């Protein structure tokens, strides 16, 4: 149950980051390279969080069986 409470706040954080990046790119504050770099970092963060949630679920399943 704890993981369900953490996911929405992380989604909101990532959505806000993406909107900020799009705004900065539109205003020519950052270039395409920096935009792509930060988006890739966010994608890696999402993948790591997903893997952590999956590992926690596997560990919880093992303790139940």
PDB file of N, CA and C in Angstrom:
ATOM      1  N   UNK A   1       0.810  -1.202   0.000  1.00  0.00           N
ATOM      2  CA  UNK A   1       0.000   0.000   0.000  1.00  0.00           C
ATOM      3  C   UNK A   1       0.855   1.268   0.000  1.00  0.00           C
ATOM      4  N   UNK A   2       2.050   1.205   0.572  1.00  0.00           N
ATOM      5  CA  UNK A   2       2.889   2.400   0.653  1.00  0.00           C
ATOM      6  C   UNK A   2       3.309   2.892  -0.724  1.00  0.00           C
ATOM      7  N   UNK A   3       3.575   1.981  -1.656  1.00  0.00           N
ATOM      8  CA  UNK A   3       4.025   2.391  -2.987  1.00  0.00           C
ATOM      9  C   UNK A   3       2.927   3.141  -3.732  1.00  0.00           C
ATOM     10  N   UNK A   4       1.673   2.809  -3.477  1.00  0.00           N
ATOM     11  CA  UNK A   4       0.585   3.499  -4.154  1.00  0.00           C
ATOM     12  C   UNK A   4       0.519   4.968  -3.761  1.00  0.00           C
ATOM     13  N   UNK A   5       0.879   5.289  -2.545  1.00  0.00           N
ATOM     14  CA  UNK A   5       0.845   6.670  -2.082  1.00  0.00           C
ATOM     15  C   UNK A   5       1.995   7.491  -2.663  1.00  0.00           C
ATOM     16  N   UNK A   6       3.098   6.862  -3.019  1.00  0.00           N
ATOM     17  CA  UNK A   6       4.267   7.574  -3.518  1.00  0.00           C
ATOM     18  C   UNK A   6       4.182   7.854  -5.008  1.00  0.00           C
ATOM     19  N   UNK A   7       3.524   7.018  -5.758  1.00  0.00           N
ATOM     20  CA  UNK A   7       3.512   7.141  -7.207  1.00  0.00           C
ATOM     21  C   UNK A   7       2.875   8.443  -7.693  1.00  0.00           C
ATOM     22  N   UNK A   8       1.705   8.843  -7.242  1.00  0.00           N
ATOM     23  CA  UNK A   8       1.107  10.070  -7.774  1.00  0.00           C
ATOM     24  C   UNK A   8       1.973  11.317  -7.583  1.00  0.00           C
ATOM     25  N   UNK A   9       2.633  11.438  -6.450  1.00  0.00           N
ATOM     26  CA  UNK A   9       3.462  12.625  -6.242  1.00  0.00           C
ATOM     27  C   UNK A   9       4.654  12.630  -7.187  1.00  0.00           C
ATOM     28  N   UNK A  10       5.200  11.462  -7.486  1.00  0.00           N
ATOM     29  CA  UNK A  10       6.314  11.386  -8.433  1.00  0.00           C
ATOM     30  C   UNK A  10       5.843  11.720  -9.842  1.00  0.00           C
ATOM     31  N   UNK A  11       4.652  11.289 -10.194  1.00  0.00           N
ATOM     32  CA  UNK A  11       4.108  11.605 -11.513  1.00  0.00           C
ATOM     33  C   UNK A  11       3.910  13.109 -11.649  1.00  0.00           C
ATOM     34  N   UNK A  12       3.381  13.738 -10.626  1.00  0.00           N
ATOM     35  CA  UNK A  12       3.175  15.189 -10.647  1.00  0.00           C
ATOM     36  C   UNK A  12       4.509  15.908 -10.762  1.00  0.00           C
ATOM     37  N   UNK A  13       5.510  15.445 -10.037  1.00  0.00           N
ATOM     38  CA  UNK A  13       6.844  16.050 -10.090  1.00  0.00           C
ATOM     39  C   UNK A  13       7.434  15.952 -11.494  1.00  0.00           C
ATOM     40  N   UNK A  14       7.307  14.799 -12.117  1.00  0.00           N
ATOM     41  CA  UNK A  14       7.865  14.606 -13.456  1.00  0.00           C
ATOM     42  C   UNK A  14       7.098  15.430 -14.484  1.00  0.00           C
ATOM     43  N   UNK A  15       5.774  15.459 -14.382  1.00  0.00           N
ATOM     44  CA  UNK A  15       4.975  16.270 -15.308  1.00  0.00           C
ATOM     45  C   UNK A  15       5.350  17.748 -15.197  1.00  0.00           C
ATOM     46  N   UNK A  16       5.549  18.217 -13.974  1.00  0.00           N
ATOM     47  CA  UNK A  16       5.937  19.618 -13.771  1.00  0.00           C
ATOM     48  C   UNK A  16       7.301  19.891 -14.379  1.00  0.00           C
ATOM     49  N   UNK A  17       8.220  18.963 -14.216  1.00  0.00           N
ATOM     50  CA  UNK A  17       9.557  19.121 -14.796  1.00  0.00           C
ATOM     51  C   UNK A  17       9.491  19.193 -16.318  1.00  0.00           C
ATOM     52  N   UNK A  18       8.677  18.350 -16.918  1.00  0.00           N
ATOM     53  CA  UNK A  18       8.553  18.337 -18.377  1.00  0.00           C
ATOM     54  C   UNK A  18       7.930  19.639 -18.868  1.00  0.00           C
ATOM     55  N   UNK A  19       6.909  20.124 -18.173  1.00  0.00           N
ATOM     56  CA  UNK A  19       6.285  21.389 -18.575  1.00  0.00           C
ATOM     57  C   UNK A  19       7.267  22.547 -18.469  1.00  0.00           C
ATOM     58  N   UNK A  20       8.073  22.554 -17.414  1.00  0.00           N
ATOM     59  CA  UNK A  20       9.092  23.591 -17.262  1.00  0.00           C
ATOM     60  C   UNK A  20      10.115  23.513 -18.387  1.00  0.00           C
ATOM     61  N   UNK A  21      10.544  22.312 -18.727  1.00  0.00           N
ATOM     62  CA  UNK A  21      11.498  22.137 -19.827  1.00  0.00           C
ATOM     63  C   UNK A  21      10.924  22.631 -21.149  1.00  0.00           C
ATOM     64  N   UNK A  22       9.664  22.298 -21.410  1.00  0.00           N
ATOM     65  CA  UNK A  22       9.029  22.750 -22.650  1.00  0.00           C
ATOM     66  C   UNK A  22       8.948  24.271 -22.703  1.00  0.00           C
ATOM     67  N   UNK A  23       8.644  24.883 -21.565  1.00  0.00           N
ATOM     68  CA  UNK A  23       8.585  26.347 -21.508  1.00  0.00           C
ATOM     69  C   UNK A  23       9.963  26.957 -21.779  1.00  0.00           C
ATOM     70  N   UNK A  24      10.988  26.413 -21.131  1.00  0.00           N
ATOM     71  CA  UNK A  24      12.341  26.935 -21.331  1.00  0.00           C
ATOM     72  C   UNK A  24      12.815  26.749 -22.766  1.00  0.00           C
ATOM     73  N   UNK A  25      12.450  25.632 -23.369  1.00  0.00           N
ATOM     74  CA  UNK A  25      12.831  25.391 -24.766  1.00  0.00           C
ATOM     75  C   UNK A  25      12.105  26.366 -25.687  1.00  0.00           C
ATOM     76  N   UNK A  26      10.827  26.607 -25.411  1.00  0.00           N
ATOM     77  CA  UNK A  26      10.036  27.520 -26.236  1.00  0.00           C
ATOM     78  C   UNK A  26      10.575  28.946 -26.156  1.00  0.00           C
ATOM     79  N   UNK A  27      11.079  29.339 -24.986  1.00  0.00           N
ATOM     80  CA  UNK A  27      11.626  30.687 -24.790  1.00  0.00           C
ATOM     81  C   UNK A  27      13.102  30.780 -25.171  1.00  0.00           C
ATOM     82  N   UNK A  28      13.655  29.702 -25.726  1.00  0.00           N
ATOM     83  CA  UNK A  28      15.054  29.636 -26.160  1.00  0.00           C
ATOM     84  C   UNK A  28      16.044  29.858 -25.017  1.00  0.00           C
ATOM     85  N   UNK A  29      15.675  29.453 -23.822  1.00  0.00           N
ATOM     86  CA  UNK A  29      16.578  29.536 -22.679  1.00  0.00           C
ATOM     87  C   UNK A  29      17.533  28.341 -22.709  1.00  0.00           C
ATOM     88  N   UNK A  30      17.014  27.179 -23.117  1.00  0.00           N
ATOM     89  CA  UNK A  30      17.853  25.996 -23.261  1.00  0.00           C
ATOM     90  C   UNK A  30      17.794  25.525 -24.708  1.00  0.00           C
ATOM     91  N   UNK A  31      18.858  24.853 -25.148  1.00  0.00           N
ATOM     92  CA  UNK A  31      18.889  24.348 -26.518  1.00  0.00           C
ATOM     93  C   UNK A  31      18.370  22.905 -26.558  1.00  0.00           C
ATOM     94  N   UNK A  32      18.314  22.368 -27.763  1.00  0.00           N
ATOM     95  CA  UNK A  32      17.782  21.018 -27.940  1.00  0.00           C
ATOM     96  C   UNK A  32      18.616  19.970 -27.205  1.00  0.00           C
ATOM     97  N   UNK A  33      19.930  20.156 -27.190  1.00  0.00           N
ATOM     98  CA  UNK A  33      20.803  19.197 -26.522  1.00  0.00           C
ATOM     99  C   UNK A  33      20.525  19.110 -25.032  1.00  0.00           C
ATOM    100  N   UNK A  34      20.384  20.252 -24.397  1.00  0.00           N
ATOM    101  CA  UNK A  34      20.092  20.268 -22.955  1.00  0.00           C
ATOM    102  C   UNK A  34      18.702  19.701 -22.690  1.00  0.00           C
ATOM    103  N   UNK A  35      17.747  20.037 -23.531  1.00  0.00           N
ATOM    104  CA  UNK A  35      16.388  19.512 -23.392  1.00  0.00           C
ATOM    105  C   UNK A  35      16.402  17.986 -23.466  1.00  0.00           C
ATOM    106  N   UNK A  36      17.081  17.449 -24.479  1.00  0.00           N
ATOM    107  CA  UNK A  36      17.145  15.997 -24.642  1.00  0.00           C
ATOM    108  C   UNK A  36      17.869  15.333 -23.474  1.00  0.00           C
ATOM    109  N   UNK A  37      18.924  15.964 -22.986  1.00  0.00           N
ATOM    110  CA  UNK A  37      19.674  15.418 -21.864  1.00  0.00           C
ATOM    111  C   UNK A  37      18.784  15.295 -20.624  1.00  0.00           C
ATOM    112  N   UNK A  38      18.050  16.340 -20.320  1.00  0.00           N
ATOM    113  CA  UNK A  38      17.205  16.329 -19.121  1.00  0.00           C
ATOM    114  C   UNK A  38      16.046  15.351 -19.283  1.00  0.00           C
ATOM    115  N   UNK A  39      15.478  15.280 -20.482  1.00  0.00           N
ATOM    116  CA  UNK A  39      14.391  14.324 -20.719  1.00  0.00           C
ATOM    117  C   UNK A  39      14.910  12.897 -20.531  1.00  0.00           C
ATOM    118  N   UNK A  40      16.101  12.608 -21.022  1.00  0.00           N
ATOM    119  CA  UNK A  40      16.677  11.273 -20.836  1.00  0.00           C
ATOM    120  C   UNK A  40      16.918  10.974 -19.362  1.00  0.00           C
ATOM    121  N   UNK A  41      17.364  11.967 -18.598  1.00  0.00           N
ATOM    122  CA  UNK A  41      17.553  11.777 -17.157  1.00  0.00           C
ATOM    123  C   UNK A  41      16.215  11.457 -16.483  1.00  0.00           C
ATOM    124  N   UNK A  42      15.154  12.154 -16.891  1.00  0.00           N
ATOM    125  CA  UNK A  42      13.832  11.882 -16.327  1.00  0.00           C
ATOM    126  C   UNK A  42      13.358  10.476 -16.690  1.00  0.00           C
ATOM    127  N   UNK A  43      13.614  10.052 -17.917  1.00  0.00           N
ATOM    128  CA  UNK A  43      13.221   8.709 -18.357  1.00  0.00           C
ATOM    129  C   UNK A  43      13.960   7.646 -17.541  1.00  0.00           C
ATOM    130  N   UNK A  44      15.241   7.876 -17.281  1.00  0.00           N
ATOM    131  CA  UNK A  44      16.005   6.932 -16.463  1.00  0.00           C
ATOM    132  C   UNK A  44      15.471   6.890 -15.037  1.00  0.00           C
ATOM    133  N   UNK A  45      15.081   8.048 -14.524  1.00  0.00           N
ATOM    134  CA  UNK A  45      14.520   8.115 -13.172  1.00  0.00           C
ATOM    135  C   UNK A  45      13.217   7.323 -13.103  1.00  0.00           C
ATOM    136  N   UNK A  46      12.390   7.448 -14.120  1.00  0.00           N
ATOM    137  CA  UNK A  46      11.131   6.701 -14.168  1.00  0.00           C
ATOM    138  C   UNK A  46      11.411   5.205 -14.197  1.00  0.00           C
ATOM    139  N   UNK A  47      12.381   4.795 -15.014  1.00  0.00           N
ATOM    140  CA  UNK A  47      12.711   3.372 -15.124  1.00  0.00           C
ATOM    141  C   UNK A  47      13.235   2.832 -13.797  1.00  0.00           C
ATOM    142  N   UNK A  48      14.088   3.594 -13.120  1.00  0.00           N
ATOM    143  CA  UNK A  48      14.615   3.145 -11.827  1.00  0.00           C
ATOM    144  C   UNK A  48      13.511   3.020 -10.790  1.00  0.00           C
ATOM    145  N   UNK A  49      12.609   3.983 -10.763  1.00  0.00           N
ATOM    146  CA  UNK A  49      11.497   3.930  -9.812  1.00  0.00           C
ATOM    147  C   UNK A  49      10.591   2.739 -10.104  1.00  0.00           C
ATOM    148  N   UNK A  50      10.352   2.478 -11.376  1.00  0.00           N
ATOM    149  CA  UNK A  50       9.510   1.343 -11.759  1.00  0.00           C
ATOM    150  C   UNK A  50      10.168   0.037 -11.339  1.00  0.00           C
ATOM    151  N   UNK A  51      11.470  -0.084 -11.559  1.00  0.00           N
ATOM    152  CA  UNK A  51      12.175  -1.297 -11.153  1.00  0.00           C
ATOM    153  C   UNK A  51      12.145  -1.481  -9.639  1.00  0.00           C
ATOM    154  N   UNK A  52      12.270  -0.386  -8.912  1.00  0.00           N
ATOM    155  CA  UNK A  52      12.234  -0.470  -7.447  1.00  0.00           C
ATOM    156  C   UNK A  52      10.865  -0.943  -6.977  1.00  0.00           C
ATOM    157  N   UNK A  53       9.818  -0.416  -7.583  1.00  0.00           N
ATOM    158  CA  UNK A  53       8.456  -0.829  -7.220  1.00  0.00           C
ATOM    159  C   UNK A  53       8.260  -2.305  -7.536  1.00  0.00           C
ATOM    160  N   UNK A  54       8.752  -2.748  -8.712  1.00  0.00           N
ATOM    161  CA  UNK A  54       8.630  -4.154  -9.089  1.00  0.00           C
ATOM    162  C   UNK A  54       9.389  -5.053  -8.119  1.00  0.00           C
ATOM    163  N   UNK A  55      10.606  -4.638  -7.713  1.00  0.00           N
ATOM    164  CA  UNK A  55      11.391  -5.432  -6.761  1.00  0.00           C
ATOM    165  C   UNK A  55      10.689  -5.506  -5.404  1.00  0.00           C
ATOM    166  N   UNK A  56      10.101  -4.400  -4.979  1.00  0.00           N
ATOM    167  CA  UNK A  56       9.377  -4.398  -3.707  1.00  0.00           C
ATOM    168  C   UNK A  56       8.188  -5.356  -3.765  1.00  0.00           C
ATOM    169  N   UNK A  57       7.491  -5.369  -4.893  1.00  0.00           N
ATOM    170  CA  UNK A  57       6.352  -6.266  -5.048  1.00  0.00           C
ATOM    171  C   UNK A  57       6.801  -7.721  -5.034  1.00  0.00           C
ATOM    172  N   UNK A  58       7.945  -8.016  -5.667  1.00  0.00           N
ATOM    173  CA  UNK A  58       8.467  -9.390  -5.667  1.00  0.00           C
ATOM    174  C   UNK A  58       8.861  -9.795  -4.255  1.00  0.00           C
ATOM    175  N   UNK A  59       9.522  -8.891  -3.538  1.00  0.00           N
ATOM    176  CA  UNK A  59       9.914  -9.203  -2.165  1.00  0.00           C
ATOM    177  C   UNK A  59       8.695  -9.416  -1.270  1.00  0.00           C
ATOM    178  N   UNK A  60       7.651  -8.618  -1.460  1.00  0.00           N
ATOM    179  CA  UNK A  60       6.430  -8.786  -0.680  1.00  0.00           C
ATOM    180  C   UNK A  60       5.772 -10.125  -0.994  1.00  0.00           C
ATOM    181  N   UNK A  61       5.808 -10.526  -2.271  1.00  0.00           N
ATOM    182  CA  UNK A  61       5.214 -11.807  -2.671  1.00  0.00           C
ATOM    183  C   UNK A  61       5.988 -12.961  -2.038  1.00  0.00           C
ATOM    184  N   UNK A  62       7.333 -12.839  -2.016  1.00  0.00           N
ATOM    185  CA  UNK A  62       8.151 -13.908  -1.431  1.00  0.00           C
ATOM    186  C   UNK A  62       7.900 -14.056   0.057  1.00  0.00           C
ATOM    187  N   UNK A  63       7.682 -12.953   0.743  1.00  0.00           N
ATOM    188  CA  UNK A  63       7.429 -13.043   2.183  1.00  0.00           C
ATOM    189  C   UNK A  63       6.055 -13.632   2.465  1.00  0.00           C
ATOM    190  N   UNK A  64       5.113 -13.461   1.550  1.00  0.00           N
ATOM    191  CA  UNK A  64       3.780 -14.020   1.754  1.00  0.00           C
ATOM    192  C   UNK A  64       3.740 -15.519   1.512  1.00  0.00           C
ATOM    193  N   UNK A  65       4.614 -16.016   0.623  1.00  0.00           N
ATOM    194  CA  UNK A  65       4.570 -17.442   0.285  1.00  0.00           C
ATOM    195  C   UNK A  65       5.501 -18.255   1.114  1.00  0.00           C
TER     196      UNK A  65
END
